[in-house]
Protein backbone atom coordinates (compact mmCIF):
# COMPACT_ATOMS: atom_id res chain seq x y z
CA MET A 1 94.00 186.56 35.49
CA TRP A 2 96.10 183.66 35.62
CA ILE A 3 97.97 181.83 38.05
CA ALA A 4 100.44 179.47 37.37
CA THR A 5 99.17 175.78 38.39
CA ASP A 6 102.17 175.16 40.99
CA GLU A 7 101.33 178.06 42.76
CA LEU A 8 97.63 176.82 43.16
CA PRO A 9 97.01 175.19 47.05
CA ARG A 10 97.69 171.76 47.65
CA THR A 11 96.31 169.53 49.71
CA ARG A 12 97.84 167.21 52.22
CA GLY A 13 96.12 164.07 50.97
CA HIS A 14 94.49 161.71 53.19
CA VAL A 15 96.29 159.94 55.54
CA PHE A 16 95.36 156.78 55.20
CA TYR A 17 95.97 156.97 51.15
CA ASP A 18 99.32 158.46 51.92
CA ALA A 19 100.07 155.49 54.32
CA VAL A 20 99.20 152.83 51.45
CA ASN A 21 101.47 154.93 48.92
CA LYS A 22 104.21 154.70 51.59
CA ILE A 23 104.16 151.23 51.94
CA LEU A 24 103.90 150.14 47.91
CA LYS A 25 106.21 153.01 47.20
CA GLY A 26 108.79 151.56 49.84
CA GLU A 27 108.96 147.74 48.77
CA GLY A 28 109.06 149.18 45.08
CA PHE A 29 105.68 148.33 43.34
CA ASP A 30 105.39 150.65 40.66
CA ALA A 31 109.22 148.76 39.68
CA PHE A 32 107.47 145.19 40.07
CA ALA A 33 104.70 146.39 38.36
CA GLU A 34 105.91 147.78 35.62
CA GLN A 35 108.68 145.02 34.98
CA GLU A 36 105.49 142.53 35.09
CA CYS A 37 103.51 143.96 32.84
CA VAL A 38 106.04 145.56 29.88
CA ARG A 39 105.24 143.04 27.49
CA PHE A 40 101.62 143.83 27.27
CA TYR A 41 102.48 147.77 26.15
CA LYS A 42 103.45 148.84 23.25
CA SER A 43 105.12 152.44 21.47
CA ALA A 44 102.66 153.59 19.56
CA THR A 45 101.84 157.38 18.26
CA ILE A 46 98.09 157.53 17.40
CA GLY A 47 95.58 156.40 20.01
CA ARG A 48 94.52 156.05 23.39
CA PRO A 49 97.37 156.91 25.96
CA SER A 50 98.00 153.99 28.16
CA ILE A 51 98.08 154.33 32.08
CA ALA A 52 100.83 153.50 33.78
CA PRO A 53 100.36 149.40 35.51
CA GLY A 54 100.69 151.15 39.29
CA VAL A 55 97.75 153.16 38.41
CA TYR A 56 95.52 150.58 37.04
CA PHE A 57 96.13 148.68 40.19
CA ARG A 58 95.13 151.27 42.64
CA MET A 59 92.30 152.32 41.00
CA ALA A 60 91.61 148.65 41.66
CA MET A 61 92.18 148.75 45.29
CA ILE A 62 90.45 152.04 45.12
CA GLY A 63 87.32 149.74 44.26
CA TYR A 64 87.64 147.64 47.57
CA PHE A 65 88.66 150.69 49.92
CA GLU A 66 85.86 152.86 48.94
CA GLY A 67 83.60 150.05 48.31
CA ILE A 68 82.49 150.72 44.48
CA ASP A 69 81.41 148.00 42.34
CA SER A 70 81.91 148.93 38.82
CA GLU A 71 84.91 150.17 37.22
CA ARG A 72 82.89 153.32 36.06
CA GLY A 73 82.24 153.97 39.34
CA ILE A 74 85.79 153.75 40.38
CA ALA A 75 86.90 156.21 37.15
CA TRP A 76 84.35 158.84 38.39
CA ARG A 77 85.61 158.76 42.27
CA CYS A 78 88.73 158.68 41.17
CA ALA A 79 87.91 162.39 38.93
CA ASP A 80 85.85 163.49 41.77
CA SER A 81 88.41 163.22 44.85
CA MET A 82 91.88 164.90 44.99
CA SER A 83 93.52 163.09 47.46
CA LEU A 84 92.61 160.18 45.32
CA LYS A 85 93.96 162.15 42.46
CA ARG A 86 97.26 162.50 44.84
CA PHE A 87 97.41 158.85 45.67
CA LEU A 88 96.86 157.55 41.96
CA GLY A 89 100.33 160.18 41.29
CA PHE A 90 97.89 163.19 39.40
CA GLU A 91 98.50 166.74 39.76
CA VAL A 92 95.61 169.03 40.15
CA MET A 93 94.97 169.69 36.15
CA GLU A 94 95.81 166.53 35.09
CA GLU A 95 92.88 163.91 33.99
CA THR A 96 92.41 160.87 35.72
CA PRO A 97 91.87 157.66 33.23
CA ASP A 98 88.30 156.89 32.54
CA HIS A 99 86.62 153.74 32.95
CA SER A 100 87.22 152.58 29.33
CA THR A 101 90.93 152.68 29.50
CA MET A 102 90.62 150.63 32.64
CA SER A 103 88.31 148.46 31.25
CA ARG A 104 90.81 148.04 28.09
CA THR A 105 94.32 147.36 30.23
CA ARG A 106 92.03 145.23 32.40
CA ARG A 107 91.93 143.21 29.17
CA LEU A 108 94.89 143.59 28.14
CA ILE A 109 97.16 142.29 30.82
CA ASP A 110 96.21 138.30 31.78
CA TRP A 111 95.04 136.96 35.13
CA GLU A 112 98.69 135.04 35.37
CA THR A 113 100.40 138.89 36.08
CA HIS A 114 97.10 140.35 38.00
CA GLY A 115 97.61 136.59 40.12
CA LEU A 116 101.53 138.32 40.70
CA ILE A 117 100.46 141.23 42.26
CA PHE A 118 98.30 139.71 44.79
CA SER A 119 101.41 137.39 45.71
CA TRP A 120 103.36 139.96 46.02
CA ILE A 121 101.01 142.21 48.48
CA LEU A 122 101.49 138.52 50.50
CA GLN A 123 104.98 139.34 50.62
CA ILE A 124 104.23 142.16 52.58
CA LEU A 125 102.24 140.35 54.75
CA VAL A 126 104.93 137.70 55.61
CA LYS A 127 107.29 140.65 56.15
CA HIS A 128 104.75 142.22 58.67
CA GLY A 129 104.00 138.43 60.35
CA LEU A 130 100.39 138.60 59.19
CA VAL A 131 101.04 134.97 56.72
CA GLY A 132 101.00 131.73 59.16
CA GLY A 133 100.35 129.25 56.61
CA LYS A 134 99.85 125.73 58.42
CA THR A 135 96.27 126.47 58.97
CA VAL A 136 94.02 126.98 56.45
CA GLY A 137 89.81 127.87 56.15
CA VAL A 138 88.10 127.37 53.30
CA ASP A 139 84.78 128.63 52.08
CA ALA A 140 82.88 129.98 49.12
CA THR A 141 79.85 131.91 48.21
CA THR A 142 78.10 133.02 45.26
CA LEU A 143 78.02 136.33 43.39
CA GLU A 144 75.80 137.37 41.08
CA ALA A 145 76.50 137.36 37.53
CA ASN A 146 75.81 139.93 35.00
CA ALA A 147 73.67 138.34 33.53
CA ALA A 148 69.75 137.65 33.42
CA LEU A 149 67.85 134.36 33.09
CA ARG A 150 65.27 135.90 30.34
CA SER A 151 67.57 136.01 28.52
CA ILE A 152 69.48 132.44 28.27
CA VAL A 153 69.46 130.33 25.44
CA ARG A 154 69.31 126.83 24.94
CA ARG A 155 72.65 125.13 23.97
CA ASP A 156 71.46 122.98 21.24
CA THR A 157 69.06 125.02 18.92
CA GLY A 158 70.06 128.57 20.73
CA GLU A 159 66.15 129.55 20.89
CA GLY A 160 65.23 132.34 23.71
CA TYR A 161 63.29 131.10 26.79
CA ASN A 162 60.50 132.28 25.60
CA GLU A 163 60.62 131.02 22.14
CA PHE A 164 60.62 127.11 23.42
CA LEU A 165 57.90 128.81 25.66
CA THR A 166 55.68 128.80 22.81
CA LYS A 167 56.74 125.94 20.71
CA LEU A 168 55.63 123.41 23.37
CA ALA A 169 52.53 125.53 24.12
CA LYS A 170 51.74 124.86 20.38
CA ALA A 171 52.78 121.20 20.20
CA SER A 172 50.17 120.88 23.58
CA GLY A 173 47.67 122.33 21.78
CA ILE A 174 47.21 125.86 22.78
CA GLU A 175 47.42 128.16 19.23
CA THR A 176 47.84 131.28 20.35
CA PRO A 177 49.45 130.75 23.75
CA THR A 178 49.17 134.35 26.36
CA ARG A 179 51.72 135.39 29.07
CA GLU A 180 49.53 133.41 31.59
CA ASP A 181 49.52 130.12 29.26
CA LEU A 182 53.18 130.66 29.23
CA ALA A 183 53.84 131.00 33.20
CA LYS A 184 51.52 127.98 34.02
CA LEU A 185 53.29 125.42 31.62
CA ASP A 186 56.46 126.95 33.04
CA ARG A 187 55.37 126.47 36.58
CA GLU A 188 54.35 122.67 35.35
CA ARG A 189 57.37 121.73 33.71
CA PRO A 190 60.01 120.29 35.53
CA ARG A 191 64.15 120.69 35.14
CA LYS A 192 63.29 123.90 33.48
CA GLY A 193 66.51 125.35 34.93
CA SER A 194 68.99 122.98 34.32
CA ASN A 195 72.56 124.19 33.03
CA GLU A 196 73.09 121.31 30.81
CA GLU A 197 70.12 122.84 28.43
CA TRP A 198 70.48 126.40 29.03
CA GLU A 199 73.43 129.16 29.12
CA HIS A 200 73.83 132.78 28.69
CA PRO A 201 74.90 133.61 25.26
CA ASP A 202 77.29 136.88 26.57
CA ASP A 203 78.67 134.94 29.71
CA PRO A 204 78.23 131.17 29.42
CA ASP A 205 80.22 130.70 32.14
CA ALA A 206 77.88 131.67 34.89
CA LYS A 207 75.62 128.85 35.92
CA ILE A 208 71.81 129.33 36.99
CA THR A 209 72.33 128.43 40.89
CA LYS A 210 70.48 129.47 44.23
CA MET A 211 71.54 132.29 45.67
CA LYS A 212 72.13 132.80 49.74
CA ASP A 213 68.14 134.70 50.04
CA GLY A 214 67.01 131.54 48.33
CA ARG A 215 66.29 133.67 45.10
CA THR A 216 67.37 132.19 41.31
CA HIS A 217 69.98 134.09 39.76
CA LEU A 218 72.88 133.41 37.18
CA ALA A 219 76.25 133.52 39.30
CA HIS A 220 79.53 132.64 39.85
CA LYS A 221 81.05 130.69 42.87
CA VAL A 222 84.20 132.15 44.29
CA GLU A 223 86.36 130.12 46.98
CA HIS A 224 89.00 131.40 49.74
CA ALA A 225 91.17 129.62 50.94
CA VAL A 226 92.59 131.73 54.57
CA ASP A 227 94.83 131.97 56.82
CA MET A 228 92.82 130.75 60.42
CA GLU A 229 95.98 132.47 62.29
CA THR A 230 95.79 136.26 60.82
CA GLY A 231 92.77 136.00 58.63
CA ALA A 232 94.55 136.73 55.26
CA VAL A 233 93.52 135.52 52.14
CA LEU A 234 96.13 133.13 50.79
CA ALA A 235 94.08 132.24 47.86
CA VAL A 236 90.86 132.82 45.98
CA THR A 237 89.67 130.42 42.79
CA LEU A 238 86.63 131.18 40.92
CA GLN A 239 84.55 127.90 39.66
CA ASP A 240 81.15 127.06 38.36
CA ALA A 241 78.40 128.08 40.62
CA ASN A 242 76.85 124.79 40.55
CA ALA A 243 79.52 122.73 41.78
CA GLY A 244 79.61 121.48 45.13
CA ASP A 245 82.41 121.97 47.57
CA THR A 246 83.61 118.75 47.78
CA THR A 247 84.37 119.44 44.26
CA THR A 248 85.95 122.83 44.57
CA ILE A 249 88.07 122.57 47.60
CA GLU A 250 91.32 120.57 45.38
CA ARG A 251 91.87 123.23 43.33
CA THR A 252 91.39 126.30 46.01
CA LEU A 253 94.03 124.06 48.56
CA ILE A 254 96.30 123.23 45.44
CA ALA A 255 95.93 127.37 44.85
CA ALA A 256 97.04 128.22 48.78
CA ALA A 257 100.16 125.40 48.42
CA GLU A 258 101.21 127.28 45.27
CA GLN A 259 100.98 130.63 47.09
CA VAL A 260 103.12 129.19 50.36
CA GLU A 261 105.74 127.29 47.84
CA ARG A 262 106.14 130.76 45.81
CA LEU A 263 106.32 132.35 49.69
CA GLU A 264 109.56 129.95 50.39
CA GLY A 265 111.09 129.96 47.01
CA ASN A 266 110.97 134.05 47.52
CA PRO A 267 114.68 134.86 49.14
CA ALA A 268 112.82 138.52 50.99
CA THR A 269 110.14 135.79 52.53
CA ALA A 270 112.27 132.47 52.74
CA ALA A 271 112.92 132.91 56.44
CA ASN A 272 109.48 133.72 57.96
CA VAL A 273 107.67 131.39 55.99
CA ALA A 274 110.15 128.31 56.16
CA ASN A 275 108.53 125.03 57.07
CA LYS A 276 105.28 126.61 57.04
CA ALA A 277 103.47 123.94 54.69
CA ILE A 278 99.80 123.56 54.84
CA ALA A 279 98.88 121.01 57.90
CA GLU A 280 95.26 121.68 58.57
CA VAL A 281 92.50 122.55 56.99
CA VAL A 282 89.11 123.75 58.54
CA THR A 283 85.98 123.70 56.45
CA ASP A 284 82.00 123.53 56.78
CA LYS A 285 80.06 120.82 56.99
CA GLY A 286 79.01 121.32 53.29
CA TYR A 287 82.70 120.04 52.51
CA HIS A 288 82.62 116.64 54.44
CA SER A 289 82.81 113.54 51.88
CA ASN A 290 84.32 110.35 53.02
CA GLU A 291 86.51 110.93 49.77
CA LYS A 292 88.07 114.11 50.50
CA LEU A 293 88.43 112.95 54.02
CA VAL A 294 90.80 110.02 52.43
CA GLN A 295 92.81 111.99 50.47
CA LEU A 296 93.96 114.30 52.73
CA GLN A 297 95.03 112.52 55.27
CA GLU A 298 97.07 110.95 52.35
CA LEU A 299 98.87 114.01 52.47
CA GLY A 300 99.45 113.95 55.58
CA ILE A 301 96.62 117.81 56.19
CA ARG A 302 94.48 116.97 59.49
CA THR A 303 91.20 117.90 59.09
CA TYR A 304 88.49 119.51 61.35
CA ILE A 305 85.46 119.55 59.57
CA SER A 306 82.35 119.99 61.01
CA GLU A 307 80.30 116.54 60.36
CA PRO A 308 76.44 116.70 59.27
CA LYS A 309 73.90 114.71 60.82
CA ARG A 310 73.97 111.24 58.82
CA GLY A 311 72.87 108.54 61.05
CA ARG A 312 74.45 105.50 62.04
CA ARG A 313 77.24 104.73 59.53
CA LYS A 314 77.75 101.17 58.04
CA TRP A 315 81.22 101.27 56.21
CA ARG A 316 80.95 97.75 54.66
CA ASP A 317 84.88 96.94 54.80
CA ASN A 318 85.73 100.56 53.46
CA HIS A 319 88.17 100.85 56.28
CA ALA A 320 90.35 103.88 54.88
CA ALA A 321 86.92 106.06 55.13
CA ARG A 322 86.05 104.68 58.38
CA ASP A 323 89.56 105.33 59.37
CA ALA A 324 89.06 108.92 58.08
CA VAL A 325 86.09 110.24 59.29
CA TYR A 326 86.63 108.48 63.17
CA ALA A 327 89.91 110.92 63.32
CA ASN A 328 88.17 114.08 61.97
CA ARG A 329 85.27 113.60 64.45
CA ARG A 330 87.98 113.15 66.79
CA ARG A 331 89.69 116.20 66.29
CA ILE A 332 86.70 118.66 66.19
CA ARG A 333 85.25 117.33 69.28
CA GLY A 334 88.60 117.56 71.04
CA SER A 335 89.77 121.14 72.63
CA ARG A 336 90.98 122.51 69.72
CA GLY A 337 88.48 121.47 66.89
CA LYS A 338 86.42 123.56 69.10
CA HIS A 339 88.50 126.17 69.34
CA LEU A 340 88.89 126.08 65.39
CA LEU A 341 85.38 125.86 64.18
CA ARG A 342 84.32 128.53 66.77
CA LYS A 343 86.99 130.59 64.77
CA ARG A 344 85.91 129.73 61.44
CA GLY A 345 82.99 132.18 61.14
CA LEU A 346 85.55 134.87 62.22
CA MET A 347 87.81 133.81 60.12
CA LEU A 348 86.29 132.99 57.21
CA GLU A 349 82.84 135.30 56.89
CA ARG A 350 84.32 138.28 58.03
CA PRO A 351 86.84 138.83 54.59
CA PHE A 352 82.94 137.91 52.99
CA ALA A 353 81.83 140.91 54.44
CA HIS A 354 84.32 142.96 53.76
CA CYS A 355 85.21 141.98 50.06
CA TYR A 356 81.59 141.47 49.00
CA GLU A 357 79.06 143.53 50.88
CA THR A 358 81.08 147.07 51.82
CA GLY A 359 83.64 146.25 49.40
CA GLY A 360 80.74 146.21 46.95
CA MET A 361 81.41 142.52 44.75
CA ARG A 362 78.49 141.21 45.47
CA ARG A 363 76.59 141.80 42.22
CA LEU A 364 79.09 141.85 39.31
CA HIS A 365 79.43 144.57 36.52
CA LEU A 366 82.00 141.99 34.25
CA ARG A 367 81.23 138.85 32.12
CA GLY A 368 83.86 136.17 31.95
CA ARG A 369 85.87 134.16 34.07
CA ASP A 370 89.27 135.73 33.19
CA ASN A 371 87.92 139.11 33.44
CA ILE A 372 86.06 138.64 36.75
CA LEU A 373 89.09 136.67 37.95
CA LYS A 374 91.26 139.58 37.64
CA ARG A 375 89.42 142.30 39.25
CA LEU A 376 88.90 139.80 42.36
CA LEU A 377 92.66 139.18 42.75
CA ILE A 378 93.57 143.09 42.50
CA HIS A 379 90.09 143.67 45.04
CA ILE A 380 91.00 140.92 47.57
CA GLY A 381 94.80 142.35 47.27
CA GLY A 382 93.37 145.59 49.13
CA PHE A 383 91.94 143.62 51.61
CA ASN A 384 94.92 141.70 52.07
CA LEU A 385 96.57 145.50 52.29
CA SER A 386 93.80 147.10 54.81
CA LEU A 387 95.04 143.95 57.29
CA VAL A 388 99.13 145.76 57.16
CA MET A 389 96.94 149.11 57.48
CA ARG A 390 95.11 147.91 60.34
CA LEU A 391 98.12 146.85 62.18
CA LEU A 392 99.87 149.97 61.35
CA THR A 393 96.96 152.50 62.37
CA GLY A 394 93.95 150.51 63.59
CA LYS A 395 92.00 150.19 60.63
CA GLY A 396 92.04 149.19 57.37
CA THR A 397 89.97 151.32 55.47
CA PRO A 398 89.77 155.34 55.20
CA ARG A 399 85.98 155.23 56.48
CA GLY A 400 87.21 153.08 59.23
CA LEU A 401 90.06 155.36 59.80
CA GLN A 402 87.43 158.96 60.39
CA ASP A 403 86.55 156.83 63.91
CA LEU A 404 89.64 156.54 65.34
CA ALA A 405 90.76 159.81 64.45
CA THR A 406 87.80 161.34 66.83
CA ALA A 407 88.53 159.17 69.83
CA TYR A 408 92.16 159.90 69.23
CA PHE A 409 90.46 163.86 69.38
CA ILE A 410 88.56 163.29 72.77
CA ALA A 411 90.65 161.20 74.38
CA VAL A 412 93.57 164.15 73.86
CA ILE A 413 91.01 167.11 74.40
CA ALA A 414 89.94 165.39 78.10
CA LEU A 415 93.93 164.99 79.01
CA MET A 416 94.47 169.05 78.01
CA LYS A 417 90.93 169.46 79.74
CA TYR A 418 92.98 167.47 83.21
CA LEU A 419 96.26 169.11 82.84
CA ASN A 420 94.81 172.63 82.91
CA GLY A 421 92.33 172.62 85.52
CA TYR A 422 91.74 169.55 87.45
CA SER A 423 92.95 168.45 90.54
CA SER A 424 91.07 165.39 91.51
CA THR A 425 91.16 162.38 89.96
CA GLU A 426 87.27 161.09 89.98
CA THR A 427 86.50 165.08 89.30
CA ALA A 428 88.59 164.55 86.04
CA ALA A 429 86.98 160.75 85.86
CA ALA A 430 83.57 162.12 86.05
CA CYS A 431 83.95 164.23 82.98
CA VAL A 432 85.67 162.06 80.50
CA SER A 433 84.15 158.69 81.45
CA GLN A 434 80.63 158.79 80.13
CA PRO A 435 81.77 160.67 76.62
CA VAL A 436 85.08 158.78 76.01
CA ALA A 437 84.47 155.14 77.75
CA ARG A 438 80.75 154.89 75.76
CA TYR A 439 82.70 156.37 72.48
CA LEU A 440 85.29 153.74 72.34
CA HIS A 441 83.17 150.90 73.68
CA SER A 442 81.18 151.45 70.63
CA ARG A 443 83.57 151.70 68.03
CA LYS A 444 85.91 148.58 69.43
CA LEU A 445 88.65 150.57 69.40
CA PHE A 446 90.72 148.54 72.26
CA ARG A 447 93.14 146.59 70.31
CA LYS A 448 96.46 145.13 70.95
CA ASN A 449 98.36 145.55 67.81
CA VAL A 450 97.36 149.33 67.90
CA THR A 451 100.04 150.72 70.03
CA PHE A 452 99.59 154.31 69.71
CA CYS A 453 95.72 153.83 70.97
CA HIS A 454 96.50 151.36 73.48
CA GLY A 455 99.79 153.47 74.72
CA LEU A 456 96.54 156.64 74.52
CA LEU A 457 94.30 154.36 76.80
CA GLY A 458 96.80 153.65 79.16
CA ILE A 459 97.48 157.02 80.05
CA ALA A 460 94.19 158.01 80.16
CA SER A 461 93.77 154.63 82.81
CA THR A 462 96.52 156.11 84.88
CA VAL A 463 95.75 159.94 84.63
CA PHE A 464 92.17 159.74 85.52
CA GLY A 465 90.93 156.54 86.68
CA TYR A 466 89.64 154.71 84.01
CA ARG A 467 88.76 151.16 82.91
């Protein structure tokens, strides 16, 4: 009738999350998080029980690892999965925190503390040699806000969009305007989506802008500063979606420089990042401007910025801008400049795809810049942690690790078959070349940074004559 909970069968846990927990516990993550968050907790005898800071930050990382966009979805997934319960430190019969507790904890902990957790994860990357710091790439993308255009109101009067159109229609002589009349009037009206005139009442930080696919939405602009040597995200900023690239790059570079200085000031990482201040910046042509090139040149930073086609330039005694533009042009036409600009797509676009497409953050479920930035810092911190996992295990997400395990299994079975009965190298190669080679090539598992996989394929090459 009754079975003690300690006698219930226990799962081993997910191999990927066990490895992540091993890294976090080995570096003292829980103690660090509790030390930084202790001021946000109070001893109370009533109310909802709080969750440990380490549990909250792990749940936010699960959003990246599992590709879940909302905190409600993260809470449901953690309650449903035994391996995620084990990752969070909960027993089988214990209930994991629900989404409201997670949201309440996020609102209580300020974004500066979330930034400290992001910096702490960067320290792990430094210890594994994944932070260069000298060459930084900068790029930005837009995230769709949790706000609808039909709900915007005027900044001066507070009236809604339909009310405003109805008022204009009556002023033009239409006593009872229909929806078709309002739509026609709206099409013919200039500057109908001005951010100076309209805002969303629940998310004033969201701005009206055109997305990458051509649609117009309320959105936020997120900008990354990425290490061009390893792909690690050194800094992330959240700014107005309608702000130009030449306006936002300054804040992002300052944030990246502060992160590098913080790593240099830490005794545990100072030896690995000594004398690695930002020396080179790589961006696309949207960041090209005379003013920024001059400012970066004065700071001693070499620029590799793609130059848009502007025709013949007339400087009119603006020698400083002329020298900065010509120096940047000379660098991007050199061999190193061409190499960095080709590498820019890999190092800058790949984090966007991992964090916002497969990571599930392209469509936001939070409102307010501080709330969104809190989630972004831990979400991208999970991406940085996946670089360490990719270095140690070959894959940065639990879904990707499934393919790697299958490849290992196929290679080991093929090796056992040869040792058990094959006497001819040609026969063994013919047996395993098609299934193994085709599978491994399709999954792109030949990575020099995966020691075990590289060694195993070396054995297969020697035994089976496989190339």
